[in-house]
Amino acid sequence: MEDERLKEFNSHFRKKWLAANTTLGIGLLRDQKILDARRYFWQALSEQKFNLRTLAALIISFIPPNLTNKILNV
């Protein structure tokens, strides 16, 4: 985002990038790569004010997998 002509779109693309981090984290969580998923959740939360989807995914990542699998029918 160094290009001055794209500066006005910076906030839009940052939001999209943070949403993509959450989506990637959820995919990693489903693939049982919990520590990798948490990294993406923390990064997304640290760079935005508040996002319920990211926060919920982070909380779910701390619940033991055998319980979350039963709850989510995975």
N, C-alpha and C. Protein backbone atom coordinates (compact mmCIF):
# COMPACT_ATOMS: atom_id res chain seq x y z
N MET A 1 0.82 -1.20 0.00
CA MET A 1 0.00 0.00 0.00
C MET A 1 0.87 1.26 0.00
N GLU A 2 2.00 1.17 -0.63
CA GLU A 2 2.89 2.32 -0.71
C GLU A 2 2.44 3.31 -1.78
N ASP A 3 1.67 2.87 -2.74
CA ASP A 3 1.25 3.72 -3.84
C ASP A 3 0.27 4.79 -3.35
N GLU A 4 0.61 6.03 -3.59
CA GLU A 4 -0.22 7.15 -3.14
C GLU A 4 -1.60 7.14 -3.81
N ARG A 5 -1.68 6.62 -5.01
CA ARG A 5 -2.96 6.60 -5.73
C ARG A 5 -3.94 5.63 -5.08
N LEU A 6 -3.43 4.67 -4.32
CA LEU A 6 -4.29 3.67 -3.68
C LEU A 6 -4.54 3.97 -2.20
N LYS A 7 -4.00 5.07 -1.72
CA LYS A 7 -4.09 5.40 -0.30
C LYS A 7 -5.54 5.44 0.21
N GLU A 8 -6.45 5.92 -0.62
CA GLU A 8 -7.84 6.04 -0.19
C GLU A 8 -8.50 4.67 0.02
N PHE A 9 -7.93 3.62 -0.57
CA PHE A 9 -8.49 2.28 -0.43
C PHE A 9 -7.82 1.47 0.68
N ASN A 10 -6.86 2.07 1.36
CA ASN A 10 -6.08 1.37 2.38
C ASN A 10 -6.97 0.74 3.46
N SER A 11 -7.90 1.50 4.00
CA SER A 11 -8.74 0.96 5.09
C SER A 11 -9.63 -0.18 4.59
N HIS A 12 -10.12 -0.07 3.38
CA HIS A 12 -10.96 -1.14 2.80
C HIS A 12 -10.17 -2.44 2.68
N PHE A 13 -8.98 -2.35 2.11
CA PHE A 13 -8.18 -3.56 1.92
C PHE A 13 -7.66 -4.11 3.24
N ARG A 14 -7.42 -3.25 4.22
CA ARG A 14 -7.00 -3.72 5.54
C ARG A 14 -8.13 -4.54 6.18
N LYS A 15 -9.37 -4.08 6.07
CA LYS A 15 -10.51 -4.83 6.61
C LYS A 15 -10.65 -6.18 5.93
N LYS A 16 -10.48 -6.19 4.61
CA LYS A 16 -10.56 -7.45 3.87
C LYS A 16 -9.45 -8.40 4.29
N TRP A 17 -8.25 -7.86 4.50
CA TRP A 17 -7.10 -8.66 4.91
C TRP A 17 -7.34 -9.26 6.30
N LEU A 18 -7.89 -8.48 7.22
CA LEU A 18 -8.17 -8.98 8.57
C LEU A 18 -9.27 -10.04 8.54
N ALA A 19 -10.28 -9.85 7.70
CA ALA A 19 -11.33 -10.87 7.56
C ALA A 19 -10.74 -12.16 6.98
N ALA A 20 -9.81 -12.01 6.05
CA ALA A 20 -9.15 -13.19 5.47
C ALA A 20 -8.32 -13.92 6.52
N ASN A 21 -7.69 -13.17 7.43
CA ASN A 21 -6.94 -13.80 8.52
C ASN A 21 -7.86 -14.65 9.39
N THR A 22 -9.04 -14.13 9.69
CA THR A 22 -10.00 -14.88 10.50
C THR A 22 -10.46 -16.13 9.76
N THR A 23 -10.77 -15.99 8.49
CA THR A 23 -11.22 -17.14 7.69
C THR A 23 -10.13 -18.20 7.61
N LEU A 24 -8.89 -17.77 7.40
CA LEU A 24 -7.77 -18.71 7.36
C LEU A 24 -7.61 -19.40 8.71
N GLY A 25 -7.74 -18.65 9.79
CA GLY A 25 -7.65 -19.23 11.12
C GLY A 25 -8.73 -20.28 11.36
N ILE A 26 -9.94 -20.00 10.91
CA ILE A 26 -11.03 -20.97 11.07
C ILE A 26 -10.73 -22.24 10.27
N GLY A 27 -10.19 -22.08 9.08
CA GLY A 27 -9.80 -23.25 8.29
C GLY A 27 -8.73 -24.07 8.98
N LEU A 28 -7.75 -23.40 9.56
CA LEU A 28 -6.69 -24.10 10.29
C LEU A 28 -7.26 -24.79 11.53
N LEU A 29 -8.20 -24.15 12.18
CA LEU A 29 -8.84 -24.73 13.36
C LEU A 29 -9.58 -26.01 12.97
N ARG A 30 -10.29 -26.00 11.88
CA ARG A 30 -10.99 -27.20 11.40
C ARG A 30 -10.02 -28.31 11.03
N ASP A 31 -8.81 -27.90 10.62
CA ASP A 31 -7.78 -28.87 10.23
C ASP A 31 -6.94 -29.30 11.44
N GLN A 32 -7.40 -28.94 12.64
CA GLN A 32 -6.74 -29.30 13.91
C GLN A 32 -5.36 -28.67 14.07
N LYS A 33 -5.09 -27.56 13.40
CA LYS A 33 -3.82 -26.83 13.54
C LYS A 33 -4.10 -25.62 14.44
N ILE A 34 -4.33 -25.91 15.70
CA ILE A 34 -4.85 -24.93 16.65
C ILE A 34 -3.88 -23.78 16.90
N LEU A 35 -2.61 -24.08 17.13
CA LEU A 35 -1.65 -23.02 17.41
C LEU A 35 -1.48 -22.08 16.21
N ASP A 36 -1.47 -22.63 15.02
CA ASP A 36 -1.39 -21.79 13.82
C ASP A 36 -2.63 -20.91 13.69
N ALA A 37 -3.79 -21.49 13.98
CA ALA A 37 -5.04 -20.73 13.89
C ALA A 37 -5.05 -19.58 14.89
N ARG A 38 -4.61 -19.84 16.10
CA ARG A 38 -4.60 -18.78 17.12
C ARG A 38 -3.74 -17.60 16.70
N ARG A 39 -2.63 -17.90 16.04
CA ARG A 39 -1.76 -16.82 15.56
C ARG A 39 -2.52 -15.86 14.65
N TYR A 40 -3.32 -16.39 13.76
CA TYR A 40 -4.10 -15.55 12.84
C TYR A 40 -5.20 -14.80 13.58
N PHE A 41 -5.84 -15.46 14.54
CA PHE A 41 -6.88 -14.78 15.33
C PHE A 41 -6.30 -13.62 16.13
N TRP A 42 -5.16 -13.85 16.81
CA TRP A 42 -4.53 -12.79 17.60
C TRP A 42 -4.12 -11.63 16.71
N GLN A 43 -3.57 -11.94 15.55
CA GLN A 43 -3.15 -10.89 14.63
C GLN A 43 -4.34 -10.05 14.18
N ALA A 44 -5.43 -10.71 13.85
CA ALA A 44 -6.62 -9.98 13.41
C ALA A 44 -7.19 -9.13 14.54
N LEU A 45 -7.24 -9.68 15.75
CA LEU A 45 -7.79 -8.92 16.88
C LEU A 45 -6.90 -7.76 17.28
N SER A 46 -5.60 -7.92 17.15
CA SER A 46 -4.68 -6.86 17.57
C SER A 46 -4.70 -5.67 16.61
N GLU A 47 -5.19 -5.86 15.40
CA GLU A 47 -5.16 -4.79 14.41
C GLU A 47 -6.53 -4.21 14.09
N GLN A 48 -7.55 -4.60 14.86
CA GLN A 48 -8.88 -4.02 14.65
C GLN A 48 -9.52 -3.77 16.00
N LYS A 49 -10.55 -2.95 16.01
CA LYS A 49 -11.18 -2.60 17.28
C LYS A 49 -11.86 -3.81 17.92
N PHE A 50 -12.80 -4.40 17.22
CA PHE A 50 -13.54 -5.54 17.77
C PHE A 50 -14.19 -6.29 16.62
N ASN A 51 -14.12 -7.60 16.69
CA ASN A 51 -14.78 -8.44 15.69
C ASN A 51 -15.28 -9.68 16.40
N LEU A 52 -16.59 -9.82 16.49
CA LEU A 52 -17.20 -10.93 17.23
C LEU A 52 -16.83 -12.28 16.62
N ARG A 53 -16.78 -12.36 15.31
CA ARG A 53 -16.45 -13.62 14.63
C ARG A 53 -15.04 -14.09 15.01
N THR A 54 -14.08 -13.16 14.99
CA THR A 54 -12.70 -13.50 15.34
C THR A 54 -12.60 -13.87 16.81
N LEU A 55 -13.26 -13.12 17.66
CA LEU A 55 -13.22 -13.40 19.10
C LEU A 55 -13.84 -14.75 19.41
N ALA A 56 -14.96 -15.06 18.79
CA ALA A 56 -15.60 -16.36 19.01
C ALA A 56 -14.71 -17.51 18.55
N ALA A 57 -14.07 -17.33 17.40
CA ALA A 57 -13.17 -18.38 16.89
C ALA A 57 -11.98 -18.57 17.83
N LEU A 58 -11.45 -17.48 18.36
CA LEU A 58 -10.33 -17.58 19.30
C LEU A 58 -10.76 -18.32 20.56
N ILE A 59 -11.92 -18.00 21.09
CA ILE A 59 -12.42 -18.68 22.29
C ILE A 59 -12.62 -20.17 22.02
N ILE A 60 -13.19 -20.50 20.87
CA ILE A 60 -13.40 -21.91 20.52
C ILE A 60 -12.07 -22.64 20.43
N SER A 61 -11.01 -21.94 20.02
CA SER A 61 -9.71 -22.60 19.89
C SER A 61 -9.13 -23.04 21.24
N PHE A 62 -9.63 -22.48 22.33
CA PHE A 62 -9.16 -22.86 23.66
C PHE A 62 -9.99 -23.97 24.29
N ILE A 63 -11.10 -24.32 23.67
CA ILE A 63 -11.94 -25.42 24.15
C ILE A 63 -11.34 -26.72 23.64
N PRO A 64 -11.24 -27.75 24.48
CA PRO A 64 -10.66 -29.02 24.02
C PRO A 64 -11.36 -29.53 22.75
N PRO A 65 -10.57 -30.03 21.79
CA PRO A 65 -11.13 -30.46 20.50
C PRO A 65 -12.24 -31.50 20.60
N ASN A 66 -12.16 -32.41 21.58
CA ASN A 66 -13.21 -33.43 21.66
C ASN A 66 -14.57 -32.80 22.00
N LEU A 67 -14.59 -31.71 22.76
CA LEU A 67 -15.85 -31.02 23.05
C LEU A 67 -16.34 -30.21 21.86
N THR A 68 -15.43 -29.50 21.21
CA THR A 68 -15.86 -28.68 20.06
C THR A 68 -16.32 -29.54 18.90
N ASN A 69 -15.71 -30.71 18.73
CA ASN A 69 -16.15 -31.60 17.65
C ASN A 69 -17.58 -32.07 17.88
N LYS A 70 -17.93 -32.33 19.14
CA LYS A 70 -19.30 -32.75 19.46
C LYS A 70 -20.29 -31.60 19.24
N ILE A 71 -19.88 -30.41 19.65
CA ILE A 71 -20.75 -29.24 19.53
C ILE A 71 -20.97 -28.88 18.06
N LEU A 72 -19.89 -28.88 17.29
CA LEU A 72 -19.96 -28.46 15.89
C LEU A 72 -20.22 -29.60 14.93
N ASN A 73 -20.34 -30.83 15.45
CA ASN A 73 -20.58 -32.02 14.62
C ASN A 73 -19.53 -32.19 13.53
N VAL A 74 -18.28 -32.02 13.91
CA VAL A 74 -17.18 -32.18 12.94
C VAL A 74 -16.66 -33.58 13.01
